[in-house]
Amino acid sequence: MQRLKSPALGFSSLVHFLGLSSFAASFKFNEAYGWHFQYLTIIGLLLATLSFTFGSLADITSSQRLFRLKNAFSLVATPLEVLVSILYGGLTLVDKELVIPQEFQMGLLPDIGFHALPALVLTIDFLFLSPPWTISSRQALIMSTTFAFAYWFWVEQCYRHNGWYPYPIFAALTTPWRIVLFTFSGALMTASMETLKLVYSKLNGSDSTKK
């Protein structure tokens, strides 16, 4: 069962307001094909922003319809942002220039705003301010894998127009290794979702781990 009251003014509206403030400060755009939406980080921020916008509106109006929309976007945004944090952290430990070229390196606070805070506030929202996810493991795998390969298609589309990849690691990998990377990313996003469902179940006594 959902642990804290939401939609509601108070803790719920505070979480959504602080989340939206962080997301807004992190958005950046350029004039290349695909804008900054060729970056997985920005796609995640967009979905997180939509989720928390509906959440904030639901807090103000007590609308269950808006609350359901918040939860629908959260189902994708939350495991995606967890995936972004894991991939970014892992690749940074190997070589930060695999994800951010030297000339575009950012300070600590913007780095946290891009790659850590979205996952944190979305996880708080799911664990304490949302009903349990009812998606099965099979459905989660299909959704995550479809998302991963759809993003790959989008990246290649942007490359055909721009002549460069949003992340240097894509240029460093051959096509077979890109298949491995995106397959792994889909599996990791699925694992993130299943782990969040398990934690929710342990915390709130829900049967959200249903297969």
N, C-alpha and C. Protein backbone atom coordinates (compact mmCIF):
# COMPACT_ATOMS: atom_id res chain seq x y z
N MET A 1 0.84 -1.20 0.00
CA MET A 1 0.00 0.00 0.00
C MET A 1 0.88 1.25 0.00
N GLN A 2 0.33 2.33 -0.58
CA GLN A 2 1.05 3.60 -0.61
C GLN A 2 1.30 4.09 0.80
N ARG A 3 2.54 4.49 1.10
CA ARG A 3 2.91 4.82 2.48
C ARG A 3 2.40 6.19 2.93
N LEU A 4 2.60 7.23 2.12
CA LEU A 4 2.22 8.59 2.51
C LEU A 4 1.12 9.12 1.59
N LYS A 5 0.37 10.09 2.13
CA LYS A 5 -0.75 10.64 1.37
C LYS A 5 -0.26 11.43 0.17
N SER A 6 -0.81 11.09 -0.98
CA SER A 6 -0.53 11.80 -2.22
C SER A 6 -1.61 11.40 -3.23
N PRO A 7 -2.15 12.34 -3.99
CA PRO A 7 -1.78 13.75 -4.05
C PRO A 7 -2.24 14.52 -2.82
N ALA A 8 -1.42 15.48 -2.40
CA ALA A 8 -1.74 16.29 -1.23
C ALA A 8 -0.75 17.42 -1.10
N LEU A 9 -1.19 18.50 -0.47
CA LEU A 9 -0.26 19.56 -0.12
C LEU A 9 0.54 19.09 1.09
N GLY A 10 1.77 19.51 1.18
CA GLY A 10 2.63 19.05 2.26
C GLY A 10 3.86 18.38 1.69
N PHE A 11 4.20 17.20 2.23
CA PHE A 11 5.41 16.52 1.80
C PHE A 11 5.37 16.18 0.31
N SER A 12 4.23 15.71 -0.17
CA SER A 12 4.09 15.35 -1.58
C SER A 12 4.35 16.54 -2.49
N SER A 13 3.71 17.67 -2.21
CA SER A 13 3.90 18.85 -3.05
C SER A 13 5.33 19.39 -2.93
N LEU A 14 5.94 19.25 -1.75
CA LEU A 14 7.32 19.70 -1.58
C LEU A 14 8.29 18.88 -2.43
N VAL A 15 8.12 17.56 -2.42
CA VAL A 15 8.98 16.69 -3.23
C VAL A 15 8.84 17.03 -4.70
N HIS A 16 7.62 17.21 -5.15
CA HIS A 16 7.40 17.50 -6.57
C HIS A 16 7.93 18.89 -6.95
N PHE A 17 7.78 19.86 -6.07
CA PHE A 17 8.29 21.20 -6.35
C PHE A 17 9.81 21.21 -6.41
N LEU A 18 10.46 20.58 -5.44
CA LEU A 18 11.92 20.54 -5.43
C LEU A 18 12.45 19.77 -6.63
N GLY A 19 11.77 18.68 -6.98
CA GLY A 19 12.17 17.91 -8.15
C GLY A 19 12.08 18.73 -9.42
N LEU A 20 10.97 19.43 -9.60
CA LEU A 20 10.80 20.26 -10.80
C LEU A 20 11.83 21.38 -10.86
N SER A 21 12.16 21.94 -9.72
CA SER A 21 13.17 23.00 -9.67
C SER A 21 14.52 22.47 -10.13
N SER A 22 14.87 21.29 -9.66
CA SER A 22 16.14 20.66 -10.05
C SER A 22 16.15 20.33 -11.53
N PHE A 23 15.05 19.76 -12.03
CA PHE A 23 14.98 19.39 -13.45
C PHE A 23 15.11 20.62 -14.34
N ALA A 24 14.40 21.70 -13.97
CA ALA A 24 14.41 22.92 -14.78
C ALA A 24 15.82 23.51 -14.87
N ALA A 25 16.56 23.44 -13.77
CA ALA A 25 17.91 23.99 -13.75
C ALA A 25 18.87 23.17 -14.61
N SER A 26 18.50 21.91 -14.89
CA SER A 26 19.41 21.03 -15.62
C SER A 26 19.17 20.99 -17.12
N PHE A 27 18.00 21.46 -17.57
CA PHE A 27 17.70 21.40 -19.00
C PHE A 27 18.63 22.29 -19.81
N LYS A 28 19.12 21.73 -20.92
CA LYS A 28 19.95 22.48 -21.86
C LYS A 28 19.52 22.09 -23.28
N PHE A 29 19.71 23.00 -24.21
CA PHE A 29 19.34 22.74 -25.59
C PHE A 29 20.45 23.21 -26.53
N ASN A 30 20.54 22.57 -27.69
CA ASN A 30 21.42 23.06 -28.74
C ASN A 30 20.66 23.04 -30.06
N GLU A 31 21.30 23.50 -31.12
CA GLU A 31 20.60 23.63 -32.40
C GLU A 31 20.87 22.47 -33.35
N ALA A 32 21.53 21.42 -32.87
CA ALA A 32 21.77 20.24 -33.70
C ALA A 32 20.47 19.48 -33.92
N TYR A 33 20.48 18.60 -34.91
CA TYR A 33 19.30 17.76 -35.16
C TYR A 33 19.01 16.95 -33.89
N GLY A 34 17.76 16.97 -33.45
CA GLY A 34 17.39 16.26 -32.23
C GLY A 34 17.55 17.08 -30.97
N TRP A 35 18.06 18.33 -31.13
CA TRP A 35 18.34 19.19 -29.98
C TRP A 35 19.14 18.40 -28.94
N HIS A 36 18.91 18.70 -27.68
CA HIS A 36 19.58 17.93 -26.63
C HIS A 36 18.84 16.63 -26.33
N PHE A 37 17.70 16.42 -27.02
CA PHE A 37 16.95 15.18 -26.79
C PHE A 37 17.61 13.97 -27.43
N GLN A 38 18.77 14.17 -28.05
CA GLN A 38 19.55 13.01 -28.48
C GLN A 38 20.32 12.42 -27.30
N TYR A 39 20.34 13.13 -26.17
CA TYR A 39 21.01 12.64 -24.95
C TYR A 39 20.02 11.91 -24.07
N LEU A 40 20.38 10.71 -23.64
CA LEU A 40 19.51 9.92 -22.77
C LEU A 40 19.21 10.66 -21.48
N THR A 41 20.19 11.42 -20.98
CA THR A 41 20.00 12.18 -19.75
C THR A 41 18.85 13.17 -19.90
N ILE A 42 18.78 13.85 -21.05
CA ILE A 42 17.74 14.86 -21.25
C ILE A 42 16.38 14.21 -21.49
N ILE A 43 16.37 13.07 -22.17
CA ILE A 43 15.11 12.33 -22.34
C ILE A 43 14.56 11.93 -20.98
N GLY A 44 15.46 11.44 -20.12
CA GLY A 44 15.05 11.08 -18.76
C GLY A 44 14.51 12.29 -18.01
N LEU A 45 15.18 13.43 -18.14
CA LEU A 45 14.72 14.65 -17.47
C LEU A 45 13.35 15.09 -17.98
N LEU A 46 13.12 14.93 -19.29
CA LEU A 46 11.82 15.30 -19.86
C LEU A 46 10.71 14.44 -19.25
N LEU A 47 10.92 13.13 -19.21
CA LEU A 47 9.91 12.23 -18.65
C LEU A 47 9.71 12.50 -17.16
N ALA A 48 10.80 12.78 -16.44
CA ALA A 48 10.70 13.10 -15.03
C ALA A 48 9.93 14.40 -14.82
N THR A 49 10.18 15.38 -15.69
CA THR A 49 9.49 16.66 -15.58
C THR A 49 8.00 16.50 -15.84
N LEU A 50 7.64 15.71 -16.84
CA LEU A 50 6.23 15.46 -17.11
C LEU A 50 5.57 14.77 -15.92
N SER A 51 6.25 13.78 -15.36
CA SER A 51 5.71 13.05 -14.21
C SER A 51 5.47 14.00 -13.04
N PHE A 52 6.46 14.81 -12.70
CA PHE A 52 6.33 15.69 -11.53
C PHE A 52 5.42 16.89 -11.80
N THR A 53 5.29 17.29 -13.06
CA THR A 53 4.32 18.34 -13.38
C THR A 53 2.91 17.86 -13.11
N PHE A 54 2.60 16.66 -13.59
CA PHE A 54 1.28 16.08 -13.30
C PHE A 54 1.13 15.84 -11.80
N GLY A 55 2.21 15.44 -11.13
CA GLY A 55 2.15 15.23 -9.69
C GLY A 55 1.85 16.52 -8.94
N SER A 56 2.51 17.61 -9.33
CA SER A 56 2.27 18.90 -8.67
C SER A 56 0.85 19.39 -8.90
N LEU A 57 0.38 19.25 -10.15
CA LEU A 57 -0.99 19.65 -10.44
C LEU A 57 -2.00 18.80 -9.66
N ALA A 58 -1.69 17.53 -9.51
CA ALA A 58 -2.57 16.65 -8.73
C ALA A 58 -2.57 17.05 -7.26
N ASP A 59 -1.40 17.45 -6.74
CA ASP A 59 -1.32 17.91 -5.34
C ASP A 59 -2.22 19.12 -5.12
N ILE A 60 -2.22 20.03 -6.09
CA ILE A 60 -2.98 21.27 -5.95
C ILE A 60 -4.47 21.03 -6.11
N THR A 61 -4.84 20.17 -7.07
CA THR A 61 -6.25 19.99 -7.41
C THR A 61 -6.89 18.74 -6.79
N SER A 62 -6.05 17.85 -6.24
CA SER A 62 -6.51 16.55 -5.71
C SER A 62 -7.13 15.68 -6.81
N SER A 63 -6.68 15.90 -8.05
CA SER A 63 -7.22 15.15 -9.19
C SER A 63 -6.59 13.77 -9.27
N GLN A 64 -7.42 12.74 -9.21
CA GLN A 64 -6.92 11.38 -9.35
C GLN A 64 -6.49 11.09 -10.79
N ARG A 65 -7.09 11.74 -11.74
CA ARG A 65 -6.69 11.55 -13.14
C ARG A 65 -5.26 12.05 -13.36
N LEU A 66 -4.96 13.23 -12.84
CA LEU A 66 -3.60 13.76 -12.95
C LEU A 66 -2.61 12.89 -12.17
N PHE A 67 -3.05 12.38 -11.04
CA PHE A 67 -2.21 11.49 -10.23
C PHE A 67 -1.87 10.22 -11.00
N ARG A 68 -2.85 9.67 -11.72
CA ARG A 68 -2.59 8.47 -12.53
C ARG A 68 -1.62 8.79 -13.68
N LEU A 69 -1.74 9.98 -14.26
CA LEU A 69 -0.79 10.36 -15.31
C LEU A 69 0.61 10.49 -14.75
N LYS A 70 0.74 11.06 -13.56
CA LYS A 70 2.05 11.14 -12.90
C LYS A 70 2.65 9.77 -12.73
N ASN A 71 1.86 8.81 -12.28
CA ASN A 71 2.35 7.45 -12.05
C ASN A 71 2.70 6.74 -13.36
N ALA A 72 1.95 7.04 -14.41
CA ALA A 72 2.22 6.41 -15.71
C ALA A 72 3.58 6.86 -16.24
N PHE A 73 3.88 8.14 -16.17
CA PHE A 73 5.19 8.63 -16.62
C PHE A 73 6.30 8.16 -15.69
N SER A 74 5.99 8.06 -14.41
CA SER A 74 6.98 7.59 -13.44
C SER A 74 7.42 6.16 -13.70
N LEU A 75 6.52 5.35 -14.22
CA LEU A 75 6.83 3.95 -14.51
C LEU A 75 7.99 3.82 -15.48
N VAL A 76 8.12 4.78 -16.39
CA VAL A 76 9.25 4.78 -17.33
C VAL A 76 10.39 5.64 -16.80
N ALA A 77 10.06 6.82 -16.28
CA ALA A 77 11.09 7.78 -15.88
C ALA A 77 11.95 7.28 -14.73
N THR A 78 11.34 6.62 -13.75
CA THR A 78 12.11 6.22 -12.56
C THR A 78 13.18 5.19 -12.87
N PRO A 79 12.84 4.03 -13.47
CA PRO A 79 13.91 3.08 -13.80
C PRO A 79 14.89 3.62 -14.83
N LEU A 80 14.42 4.52 -15.72
CA LEU A 80 15.32 5.12 -16.70
C LEU A 80 16.36 6.00 -16.02
N GLU A 81 15.93 6.81 -15.05
CA GLU A 81 16.87 7.68 -14.36
C GLU A 81 17.83 6.87 -13.48
N VAL A 82 17.35 5.78 -12.92
CA VAL A 82 18.26 4.89 -12.17
C VAL A 82 19.29 4.31 -13.13
N LEU A 83 18.83 3.90 -14.31
CA LEU A 83 19.76 3.39 -15.34
C LEU A 83 20.80 4.44 -15.70
N VAL A 84 20.36 5.69 -15.92
CA VAL A 84 21.29 6.77 -16.27
C VAL A 84 22.35 6.92 -15.17
N SER A 85 21.92 6.91 -13.92
CA SER A 85 22.87 7.07 -12.81
C SER A 85 23.88 5.93 -12.77
N ILE A 86 23.41 4.70 -12.99
CA ILE A 86 24.31 3.54 -12.94
C ILE A 86 25.28 3.56 -14.11
N LEU A 87 24.76 3.79 -15.32
CA LEU A 87 25.64 3.81 -16.49
C LEU A 87 26.66 4.94 -16.41
N TYR A 88 26.19 6.12 -16.02
CA TYR A 88 27.10 7.26 -15.93
C TYR A 88 28.17 7.01 -14.87
N GLY A 89 27.74 6.53 -13.69
CA GLY A 89 28.70 6.27 -12.64
C GLY A 89 29.71 5.20 -13.03
N GLY A 90 29.22 4.13 -13.67
CA GLY A 90 30.11 3.04 -14.07
C GLY A 90 31.10 3.46 -15.13
N LEU A 91 30.61 4.16 -16.17
CA LEU A 91 31.50 4.59 -17.25
C LEU A 91 32.47 5.67 -16.77
N THR A 92 32.03 6.51 -15.85
CA THR A 92 32.92 7.54 -15.32
C THR A 92 34.09 6.93 -14.57
N LEU A 93 33.84 5.82 -13.88
CA LEU A 93 34.92 5.14 -13.17
C LEU A 93 35.96 4.59 -14.15
N VAL A 94 35.50 4.21 -15.34
CA VAL A 94 36.42 3.69 -16.36
C VAL A 94 37.14 4.85 -17.06
N ASP A 95 36.34 5.77 -17.61
CA ASP A 95 36.89 6.93 -18.32
C ASP A 95 35.75 7.90 -18.55
N LYS A 96 35.76 9.04 -17.87
CA LYS A 96 34.66 9.99 -17.96
C LYS A 96 34.46 10.52 -19.37
N GLU A 97 35.54 10.52 -20.17
CA GLU A 97 35.43 11.04 -21.53
C GLU A 97 34.69 10.08 -22.46
N LEU A 98 34.31 8.90 -21.96
CA LEU A 98 33.44 8.02 -22.74
C LEU A 98 32.03 8.58 -22.82
N VAL A 99 31.66 9.41 -21.83
CA VAL A 99 30.31 9.98 -21.82
C VAL A 99 30.30 11.49 -21.99
N ILE A 100 31.36 12.18 -21.53
CA ILE A 100 31.42 13.63 -21.68
C ILE A 100 32.81 14.02 -22.17
N PRO A 101 32.91 14.59 -23.37
CA PRO A 101 34.22 15.04 -23.86
C PRO A 101 34.85 16.05 -22.90
N GLN A 102 36.16 16.13 -22.92
CA GLN A 102 36.88 16.99 -21.98
C GLN A 102 36.39 18.43 -22.01
N GLU A 103 36.09 18.95 -23.21
CA GLU A 103 35.69 20.35 -23.32
C GLU A 103 34.30 20.63 -22.75
N PHE A 104 33.53 19.58 -22.48
CA PHE A 104 32.18 19.75 -21.94
C PHE A 104 32.05 19.26 -20.49
N GLN A 105 33.17 19.01 -19.83
CA GLN A 105 33.13 18.57 -18.44
C GLN A 105 32.43 19.64 -17.59
N MET A 106 31.64 19.19 -16.60
CA MET A 106 30.87 20.12 -15.78
C MET A 106 31.30 20.04 -14.32
N GLY A 107 30.89 21.04 -13.54
CA GLY A 107 31.20 21.06 -12.12
C GLY A 107 30.40 20.02 -11.36
N LEU A 108 30.72 19.88 -10.07
CA LEU A 108 30.11 18.84 -9.24
C LEU A 108 28.60 19.01 -9.11
N LEU A 109 28.13 20.23 -8.81
CA LEU A 109 26.70 20.44 -8.59
C LEU A 109 25.87 20.19 -9.85
N PRO A 110 26.27 20.74 -11.02
CA PRO A 110 25.52 20.39 -12.23
C PRO A 110 25.57 18.90 -12.55
N ASP A 111 26.72 18.28 -12.28
CA ASP A 111 26.87 16.84 -12.50
C ASP A 111 25.87 16.06 -11.67
N ILE A 112 25.74 16.42 -10.40
CA ILE A 112 24.78 15.76 -9.51
C ILE A 112 23.35 16.03 -9.98
N GLY A 113 23.10 17.28 -10.41
CA GLY A 113 21.76 17.63 -10.89
C GLY A 113 21.34 16.84 -12.11
N PHE A 114 22.29 16.56 -12.98
CA PHE A 114 22.00 15.78 -14.19
C PHE A 114 21.88 14.29 -13.91
N HIS A 115 22.80 13.76 -13.13
CA HIS A 115 23.00 12.31 -13.11
C HIS A 115 22.67 11.60 -11.80
N ALA A 116 22.27 12.34 -10.75
CA ALA A 116 21.96 11.69 -9.48
C ALA A 116 20.61 12.12 -8.89
N LEU A 117 20.36 13.42 -8.84
CA LEU A 117 19.14 13.91 -8.20
C LEU A 117 17.86 13.40 -8.84
N PRO A 118 17.77 13.35 -10.19
CA PRO A 118 16.51 12.83 -10.76
C PRO A 118 16.18 11.42 -10.28
N ALA A 119 17.17 10.53 -10.26
CA ALA A 119 16.92 9.17 -9.79
C ALA A 119 16.51 9.17 -8.32
N LEU A 120 17.14 10.04 -7.52
CA LEU A 120 16.85 10.08 -6.09
C LEU A 120 15.42 10.54 -5.82
N VAL A 121 15.00 11.67 -6.42
CA VAL A 121 13.67 12.20 -6.10
C VAL A 121 12.57 11.32 -6.71
N LEU A 122 12.82 10.74 -7.88
CA LEU A 122 11.83 9.84 -8.46
C LEU A 122 11.68 8.57 -7.63
N THR A 123 12.78 8.08 -7.08
CA THR A 123 12.71 6.90 -6.22
C THR A 123 11.94 7.21 -4.94
N ILE A 124 12.19 8.38 -4.35
CA ILE A 124 11.43 8.79 -3.16
C ILE A 124 9.95 8.88 -3.49
N ASP A 125 9.63 9.47 -4.64
CA ASP A 125 8.23 9.60 -5.04
C ASP A 125 7.57 8.22 -5.19
N PHE A 126 8.29 7.29 -5.83
CA PHE A 126 7.71 5.96 -6.03
C PHE A 126 7.54 5.22 -4.70
N LEU A 127 8.56 5.22 -3.87
CA LEU A 127 8.52 4.42 -2.64
C LEU A 127 7.54 4.95 -1.61
N PHE A 128 7.35 6.27 -1.55
CA PHE A 128 6.54 6.85 -0.48
C PHE A 128 5.25 7.53 -0.94
N LEU A 129 5.17 7.93 -2.21
CA LEU A 129 4.05 8.76 -2.64
C LEU A 129 3.27 8.17 -3.82
N SER A 130 3.48 6.89 -4.09
CA SER A 130 2.84 6.27 -5.26
C SER A 130 2.30 4.90 -4.90
N PRO A 131 1.29 4.44 -5.64
CA PRO A 131 0.83 3.06 -5.49
C PRO A 131 1.86 2.11 -6.09
N PRO A 132 1.79 0.82 -5.77
CA PRO A 132 2.77 -0.13 -6.33
C PRO A 132 2.60 -0.30 -7.83
N TRP A 133 3.70 -0.55 -8.51
CA TRP A 133 3.62 -0.87 -9.93
C TRP A 133 3.06 -2.28 -10.09
N THR A 134 2.20 -2.45 -11.07
CA THR A 134 1.59 -3.76 -11.32
C THR A 134 2.17 -4.42 -12.57
N ILE A 135 3.15 -3.79 -13.18
CA ILE A 135 3.76 -4.34 -14.39
C ILE A 135 4.49 -5.64 -14.05
N SER A 136 4.35 -6.66 -14.90
CA SER A 136 5.02 -7.95 -14.67
C SER A 136 6.48 -7.86 -15.11
N SER A 137 7.27 -8.85 -14.72
CA SER A 137 8.68 -8.89 -15.12
C SER A 137 8.81 -8.97 -16.63
N ARG A 138 7.97 -9.77 -17.25
CA ARG A 138 8.01 -9.91 -18.72
C ARG A 138 7.67 -8.59 -19.39
N GLN A 139 6.64 -7.92 -18.91
CA GLN A 139 6.26 -6.63 -19.48
C GLN A 139 7.36 -5.60 -19.27
N ALA A 140 8.00 -5.64 -18.10
CA ALA A 140 9.10 -4.71 -17.82
C ALA A 140 10.27 -4.93 -18.78
N LEU A 141 10.57 -6.20 -19.06
CA LEU A 141 11.66 -6.52 -19.97
C LEU A 141 11.35 -6.04 -21.38
N ILE A 142 10.11 -6.28 -21.83
CA ILE A 142 9.71 -5.84 -23.17
C ILE A 142 9.77 -4.32 -23.27
N MET A 143 9.24 -3.63 -22.27
CA MET A 143 9.23 -2.17 -22.29
C MET A 143 10.66 -1.62 -22.29
N SER A 144 11.51 -2.15 -21.42
CA SER A 144 12.87 -1.63 -21.29
C SER A 144 13.69 -1.91 -22.54
N THR A 145 13.57 -3.11 -23.10
CA THR A 145 14.34 -3.46 -24.29
C THR A 145 13.87 -2.64 -25.49
N THR A 146 12.55 -2.47 -25.61
CA THR A 146 12.01 -1.64 -26.70
C THR A 146 12.51 -0.21 -26.58
N PHE A 147 12.52 0.32 -25.37
CA PHE A 147 13.00 1.68 -25.15
C PHE A 147 14.48 1.79 -25.53
N ALA A 148 15.28 0.81 -25.11
CA ALA A 148 16.72 0.86 -25.38
C ALA A 148 17.01 0.87 -26.88
N PHE A 149 16.35 -0.01 -27.62
CA PHE A 149 16.63 -0.08 -29.05
C PHE A 149 15.97 1.06 -29.83
N ALA A 150 14.87 1.58 -29.32
CA ALA A 150 14.28 2.78 -29.93
C ALA A 150 15.22 3.96 -29.77
N TYR A 151 15.88 4.04 -28.61
CA TYR A 151 16.85 5.11 -28.40
C TYR A 151 18.04 4.93 -29.34
N TRP A 152 18.49 3.71 -29.54
CA TRP A 152 19.59 3.47 -30.49
C TRP A 152 19.20 3.94 -31.89
N PHE A 153 17.99 3.60 -32.33
CA PHE A 153 17.52 4.05 -33.64
C PHE A 153 17.54 5.58 -33.71
N TRP A 154 17.09 6.24 -32.65
CA TRP A 154 17.05 7.69 -32.60
C TRP A 154 18.46 8.27 -32.65
N VAL A 155 19.40 7.66 -31.93
CA VAL A 155 20.79 8.11 -31.93
C VAL A 155 21.38 8.03 -33.34
N GLU A 156 21.12 6.92 -34.03
CA GLU A 156 21.65 6.76 -35.39
C GLU A 156 21.01 7.76 -36.35
N GLN A 157 19.73 8.05 -36.14
CA GLN A 157 19.05 9.06 -36.95
C GLN A 157 19.70 10.42 -36.76
N CYS A 158 20.00 10.77 -35.52
CA CYS A 158 20.67 12.04 -35.23
C CYS A 158 22.07 12.05 -35.84
N TYR A 159 22.77 10.92 -35.80
CA TYR A 159 24.12 10.84 -36.35
C TYR A 159 24.11 11.09 -37.86
N ARG A 160 23.11 10.57 -38.54
CA ARG A 160 23.03 10.75 -39.99
C ARG A 160 22.90 12.23 -40.36
N HIS A 161 22.27 13.01 -39.48
CA HIS A 161 22.10 14.44 -39.74
C HIS A 161 23.28 15.27 -39.22
N ASN A 162 23.81 14.90 -38.07
CA ASN A 162 24.81 15.73 -37.39
C ASN A 162 26.25 15.31 -37.67
N GLY A 163 26.46 14.02 -37.97
CA GLY A 163 27.81 13.54 -38.21
C GLY A 163 28.60 13.25 -36.95
N TRP A 164 27.94 13.27 -35.80
CA TRP A 164 28.61 12.94 -34.54
C TRP A 164 27.59 12.33 -33.58
N TYR A 165 28.10 11.53 -32.64
CA TYR A 165 27.25 10.87 -31.65
C TYR A 165 27.17 11.70 -30.38
N PRO A 166 26.06 11.63 -29.66
CA PRO A 166 25.93 12.41 -28.43
C PRO A 166 26.90 11.97 -27.34
N TYR A 167 27.24 10.68 -27.33
CA TYR A 167 28.19 10.17 -26.35
C TYR A 167 29.38 9.54 -27.08
N PRO A 168 30.61 9.89 -26.70
CA PRO A 168 31.80 9.36 -27.39
C PRO A 168 31.87 7.83 -27.40
N ILE A 169 31.28 7.17 -26.42
CA ILE A 169 31.36 5.70 -26.37
C ILE A 169 30.71 5.08 -27.60
N PHE A 170 29.68 5.72 -28.16
CA PHE A 170 29.02 5.15 -29.34
C PHE A 170 29.97 5.12 -30.54
N ALA A 171 30.78 6.16 -30.67
CA ALA A 171 31.74 6.21 -31.78
C ALA A 171 32.86 5.19 -31.58
N ALA A 172 33.15 4.88 -30.33
CA ALA A 172 34.24 3.95 -30.03
C ALA A 172 33.85 2.49 -30.22
N LEU A 173 32.55 2.21 -30.27
CA LEU A 173 32.08 0.82 -30.36
C LEU A 173 31.70 0.46 -31.79
N THR A 174 31.97 -0.77 -32.18
CA THR A 174 31.48 -1.30 -33.44
C THR A 174 30.00 -1.65 -33.29
N THR A 175 29.33 -1.91 -34.40
CA THR A 175 27.90 -2.23 -34.34
C THR A 175 27.59 -3.42 -33.43
N PRO A 176 28.33 -4.55 -33.53
CA PRO A 176 28.03 -5.66 -32.62
C PRO A 176 28.14 -5.28 -31.15
N TRP A 177 29.12 -4.43 -30.82
CA TRP A 177 29.27 -4.02 -29.42
C TRP A 177 28.19 -3.01 -29.02
N ARG A 178 27.67 -2.26 -29.97
CA ARG A 178 26.54 -1.39 -29.65
C ARG A 178 25.30 -2.23 -29.33
N ILE A 179 25.13 -3.33 -30.07
CA ILE A 179 24.02 -4.25 -29.77
C ILE A 179 24.16 -4.78 -28.35
N VAL A 180 25.38 -5.14 -27.97
CA VAL A 180 25.64 -5.62 -26.61
C VAL A 180 25.31 -4.53 -25.60
N LEU A 181 25.75 -3.30 -25.88
CA LEU A 181 25.52 -2.19 -24.95
C LEU A 181 24.04 -1.92 -24.74
N PHE A 182 23.27 -1.86 -25.82
CA PHE A 182 21.86 -1.53 -25.69
C PHE A 182 21.06 -2.71 -25.13
N THR A 183 21.48 -3.93 -25.43
CA THR A 183 20.83 -5.10 -24.81
C THR A 183 21.08 -5.09 -23.31
N PHE A 184 22.33 -4.82 -22.92
CA PHE A 184 22.67 -4.73 -21.50
C PHE A 184 21.90 -3.61 -20.82
N SER A 185 21.77 -2.47 -21.50
CA SER A 185 21.04 -1.33 -20.93
C SER A 185 19.57 -1.68 -20.69
N GLY A 186 18.96 -2.39 -21.65
CA GLY A 186 17.57 -2.82 -21.48
C GLY A 186 17.42 -3.77 -20.30
N ALA A 187 18.38 -4.70 -20.17
CA ALA A 187 18.35 -5.64 -19.05
C ALA A 187 18.56 -4.92 -17.72
N LEU A 188 19.46 -3.94 -17.71
CA LEU A 188 19.75 -3.20 -16.49
C LEU A 188 18.55 -2.33 -16.08
N MET A 189 17.86 -1.75 -17.05
CA MET A 189 16.66 -0.97 -16.74
C MET A 189 15.58 -1.88 -16.16
N THR A 190 15.46 -3.09 -16.72
CA THR A 190 14.51 -4.07 -16.17
C THR A 190 14.88 -4.44 -14.75
N ALA A 191 16.16 -4.70 -14.52
CA ALA A 191 16.62 -5.05 -13.17
C ALA A 191 16.37 -3.91 -12.19
N SER A 192 16.53 -2.67 -12.65
CA SER A 192 16.26 -1.51 -11.80
C SER A 192 14.79 -1.48 -11.39
N MET A 193 13.91 -1.74 -12.35
CA MET A 193 12.48 -1.74 -12.07
C MET A 193 12.12 -2.86 -11.09
N GLU A 194 12.67 -4.04 -11.32
CA GLU A 194 12.36 -5.17 -10.43
C GLU A 194 12.90 -4.93 -9.02
N THR A 195 14.07 -4.30 -8.93
CA THR A 195 14.64 -4.00 -7.62
C THR A 195 13.79 -2.97 -6.88
N LEU A 196 13.34 -1.96 -7.60
CA LEU A 196 12.48 -0.95 -6.98
C LEU A 196 11.16 -1.57 -6.51
N LYS A 197 10.61 -2.49 -7.29
CA LYS A 197 9.38 -3.18 -6.88
C LYS A 197 9.62 -3.99 -5.62
N LEU A 198 10.78 -4.64 -5.53
CA LEU A 198 11.10 -5.44 -4.35
C LEU A 198 11.26 -4.56 -3.12
N VAL A 199 11.98 -3.45 -3.26
CA VAL A 199 12.15 -2.53 -2.14
C VAL A 199 10.80 -1.97 -1.70
N TYR A 200 9.95 -1.63 -2.66
CA TYR A 200 8.61 -1.12 -2.35
C TYR A 200 7.84 -2.16 -1.54
N SER A 201 7.93 -3.41 -1.96
CA SER A 201 7.23 -4.50 -1.27
C SER A 201 7.72 -4.65 0.16
N LYS A 202 9.04 -4.60 0.35
CA LYS A 202 9.61 -4.73 1.69
C LYS A 202 9.24 -3.55 2.57
N LEU A 203 9.20 -2.36 1.99
CA LEU A 203 8.93 -1.15 2.75
C LEU A 203 7.46 -0.97 3.08
N ASN A 204 6.61 -1.30 2.11
CA ASN A 204 5.18 -0.99 2.25
C ASN A 204 4.28 -2.20 2.39
N GLY A 205 4.86 -3.41 2.35
CA GLY A 205 4.05 -4.60 2.50
C GLY A 205 3.15 -4.86 1.33
N SER A 206 3.63 -4.49 0.11
CA SER A 206 2.83 -4.65 -1.10
C SER A 206 3.20 -5.95 -1.81
N ASP A 207 2.32 -6.41 -2.70
CA ASP A 207 2.63 -7.57 -3.53
C ASP A 207 3.12 -7.11 -4.89
N SER A 208 3.85 -5.96 -4.93
CA SER A 208 4.27 -5.39 -6.19
C SER A 208 5.34 -6.19 -6.89
N THR A 209 5.82 -7.25 -6.25
CA THR A 209 6.81 -8.10 -6.92
C THR A 209 6.15 -9.19 -7.74
N LYS A 210 4.85 -9.12 -7.94
CA LYS A 210 4.12 -10.09 -8.73
C LYS A 210 4.76 -10.27 -10.10
N LYS A 211 4.92 -11.52 -10.53
CA LYS A 211 5.56 -11.82 -11.82
C LYS A 211 4.50 -11.88 -12.92
